[in-house]
Structure formats: structure tokens, C-alpha cells
Protein backbone atom coordinates (compact mmCIF):
# COMPACT_ATOMS: atom_id res chain seq x y z
CA MET A 1 11.87 -11.19 -14.98
CA SER A 2 13.71 -8.82 -12.78
CA ALA A 3 13.68 -8.50 -9.03
CA GLN A 4 12.18 -5.13 -7.75
CA ARG A 5 11.14 -3.45 -4.71
CA THR A 6 7.53 -1.71 -4.19
CA LEU A 7 5.87 0.01 -1.50
CA SER A 8 2.74 -1.25 -0.02
CA ILE A 9 0.44 0.35 2.82
CA ILE A 10 -2.24 -1.40 4.59
CA LYS A 11 -4.45 1.44 4.95
CA PRO A 12 -6.68 2.48 8.22
CA ASP A 13 -9.79 0.52 7.39
CA ALA A 14 -7.82 -2.77 7.15
CA THR A 15 -5.63 -2.24 10.36
CA ALA A 16 -8.77 -1.26 12.25
CA ARG A 17 -10.22 -4.55 11.22
CA ASN A 18 -7.16 -6.43 12.11
CA VAL A 19 -6.56 -8.13 8.85
CA THR A 20 -3.10 -7.28 8.44
CA GLY A 21 -1.80 -10.78 8.69
CA SER A 22 -4.39 -12.05 6.14
CA ILE A 23 -3.43 -9.27 3.71
CA ASN A 24 0.49 -10.06 4.37
CA ALA A 25 -0.25 -13.76 3.61
CA ARG A 26 -1.50 -12.95 0.16
CA PHE A 27 1.86 -11.27 -0.58
CA GLU A 28 3.91 -14.09 0.73
CA GLN A 29 1.56 -16.59 -1.27
CA ALA A 30 2.54 -14.61 -4.37
CA GLU A 31 6.29 -15.08 -3.60
CA LEU A 32 6.66 -11.36 -2.49
CA ARG A 33 9.08 -10.91 0.48
CA ILE A 34 8.32 -8.38 3.12
CA ILE A 35 11.88 -6.75 3.56
CA ALA A 36 10.77 -3.79 5.71
CA GLN A 37 7.53 -3.15 7.70
CA LYS A 38 6.27 -0.71 10.41
CA LYS A 39 3.05 0.29 11.85
CA ILE A 40 2.88 4.16 12.08
CA GLN A 41 0.31 7.06 12.51
CA LEU A 42 0.82 9.68 9.69
CA THR A 43 -0.01 13.18 10.40
CA LYS A 44 -2.15 15.01 8.00
CA ALA A 45 0.98 16.96 6.91
CA GLN A 46 2.53 13.65 6.19
CA ALA A 47 -0.36 12.38 4.29
CA GLU A 48 -0.53 15.65 2.15
CA LYS A 49 3.13 15.37 1.29
CA PHE A 50 3.05 11.58 0.36
CA TYR A 51 0.00 12.26 -1.81
CA GLU A 52 0.93 15.62 -3.13
CA VAL A 53 0.93 14.08 -6.68
CA HIS A 54 -2.88 13.92 -6.33
CA SER A 55 -3.07 17.48 -4.82
CA ASP A 56 -5.13 18.75 -7.76
CA LYS A 57 -7.64 15.89 -7.64
CA ALA A 58 -11.20 16.30 -5.76
CA PHE A 59 -10.30 13.37 -3.58
CA TYR A 60 -7.11 14.66 -2.17
CA ASP A 61 -8.29 16.33 0.96
CA SER A 62 -10.50 13.26 2.12
CA LEU A 63 -7.72 10.95 1.28
CA CYS A 64 -5.28 12.88 3.35
CA GLU A 65 -7.79 12.94 6.09
CA TYR A 66 -8.41 9.26 6.04
CA MET A 67 -4.91 8.24 5.74
CA SER A 68 -3.98 10.27 8.89
CA SER A 69 -7.11 9.06 10.76
CA ALA A 70 -5.75 5.84 12.24
CA PRO A 71 -2.58 3.67 12.09
CA VAL A 72 -1.25 2.25 8.81
CA VAL A 73 1.22 -0.46 7.97
CA VAL A 74 4.00 0.66 5.51
CA GLN A 75 6.14 -2.09 4.09
CA VAL A 76 8.34 -2.95 1.24
CA LEU A 77 7.83 -5.92 -0.84
CA TYR A 78 10.43 -7.60 -2.89
CA GLY A 79 10.42 -10.08 -5.69
CA ASP A 80 10.21 -10.71 -9.58
CA ASN A 81 8.21 -7.96 -11.14
CA ALA A 82 7.04 -6.78 -7.55
CA VAL A 83 5.36 -3.50 -8.82
CA ALA A 84 3.14 -5.47 -11.29
CA LYS A 85 2.50 -8.49 -9.18
CA ASN A 86 1.53 -6.21 -6.12
CA ARG A 87 -0.94 -4.42 -8.46
CA GLU A 88 -2.43 -7.62 -9.57
CA ILE A 89 -2.84 -8.88 -6.01
CA MET A 90 -4.43 -5.75 -4.93
CA GLY A 91 -6.99 -5.49 -7.67
CA ALA A 92 -8.94 -2.57 -8.94
CA THR A 93 -9.09 0.64 -6.88
CA ASN A 94 -12.85 0.14 -6.36
CA PRO A 95 -13.42 -3.09 -4.64
CA ALA A 96 -16.81 -3.53 -6.45
CA ASN A 97 -14.91 -3.82 -9.75
CA ALA A 98 -11.95 -5.85 -8.36
CA GLU A 99 -11.33 -9.29 -9.42
CA ILE A 100 -12.54 -12.07 -6.95
CA GLY A 101 -9.77 -13.22 -4.89
CA THR A 102 -7.74 -9.91 -4.90
CA ILE A 103 -7.02 -8.08 -1.54
CA ARG A 104 -9.38 -5.25 -2.35
CA ARG A 105 -12.50 -7.28 -3.28
CA ASP A 106 -11.74 -9.30 -0.25
CA PHE A 107 -11.01 -6.84 2.34
CA GLY A 108 -11.81 -3.31 0.62
CA GLN A 109 -14.99 -1.56 1.83
CA SER A 110 -15.32 1.30 -0.79
CA ILE A 111 -13.32 3.07 -3.34
CA GLU A 112 -11.44 5.19 -0.70
CA HIS A 113 -11.50 2.40 2.06
CA ASN A 114 -9.98 -0.26 -0.32
CA ALA A 115 -7.57 -1.69 2.24
CA VAL A 116 -4.27 -1.19 0.46
CA HIS A 117 -2.01 1.23 -1.61
CA GLY A 118 0.71 0.14 -3.74
CA SER A 119 3.15 1.84 -6.01
CA ASP A 120 2.00 2.09 -9.60
CA CYS A 121 5.66 1.95 -11.36
CA VAL A 122 9.15 1.16 -10.39
CA GLU A 123 10.05 4.95 -10.20
CA ASN A 124 7.39 5.85 -7.89
CA ALA A 125 8.16 2.74 -5.84
CA GLU A 126 11.76 4.25 -5.23
CA ILE A 127 10.20 7.64 -4.20
CA GLU A 128 7.65 6.09 -2.03
CA ILE A 129 9.93 3.63 -0.36
CA ALA A 130 12.47 6.37 0.47
CA PHE A 131 9.58 8.60 1.99
CA PHE A 132 9.12 5.97 4.79
CA PHE A 133 12.17 3.78 4.95
CA SER A 134 15.85 4.46 5.11
CA GLY A 135 18.28 2.09 3.25
CA LEU A 136 19.27 0.65 6.76
CA GLU A 137 15.77 -0.47 7.26
CA LEU A 138 15.58 -2.58 4.13
CA VAL A 139 16.58 -6.12 5.08
CA GLY A 140 16.82 -8.57 2.29
């Protein structure tokens, strides 16, 4: 096993329902440490830049509109195999298809309003973390 960092975003639907603490408890129970965290309001331009990898997909515009519609919590998780562990904890993108006990199954409302985002690989985690955090903000 190797220690890694990964980005986690608690999306507008989850922050609006005040379940941030419950979601963070899932990460901590899985031995992922939150080493940086902040609540922010993305502009549409920031959301477009962050999700530009999906700019050719049909859902891109609605995703950027949604992610800039209300505050989100961006955070860096750290632990053994953090990327894979976080993806397992999150569950399938569509909450209806997610395993029982996963964050998206328990807190997601739809395929778009699915409570959380997580990096899909170590390389993208590094890029995504750098988008939101300076090195000085990563503690631990």
C-alpha cells in the first residue's frame, strides 16, 4: 500500500442539506485523513475550467451550472490508496446503482446531484488538488 492524496468535493446538494459532517465521518471511518478543507462558491467560469475535461460531453453545461449554483466543500483526503478507497466509499455515480452504505447511495439524490466528487486517478488527483489548494494549505 502507498499513501496518497486525493481530492474530494462535497457538492451543492449535500451542503444544502447540511450533511457535510456525516459525509466526512465516512472518510474518517475509512482511515482517510482530511488534510485540507474549505467551503467555497465556484463561479461558472471556475466550474467550467475544473470540468473542462468533460467539455465535449452532453452533461457539461448542466454540471457547470449546478456546481456553481451553491457552496461546495473542497478537501484533500490522505491515506493508503486514497484514490481507490475514496472511490469505493463514494459508490457508483448514479446513486440508484451505488452499493448500500456508500455515500452516493445514502446521500445522493440523482446521477447529477450525487453528493460528492472524487479524483479518478493519482495523476488527476494531483491536478485537481492544485486547482483548489496551494502547497501551504496541505497540512499532514
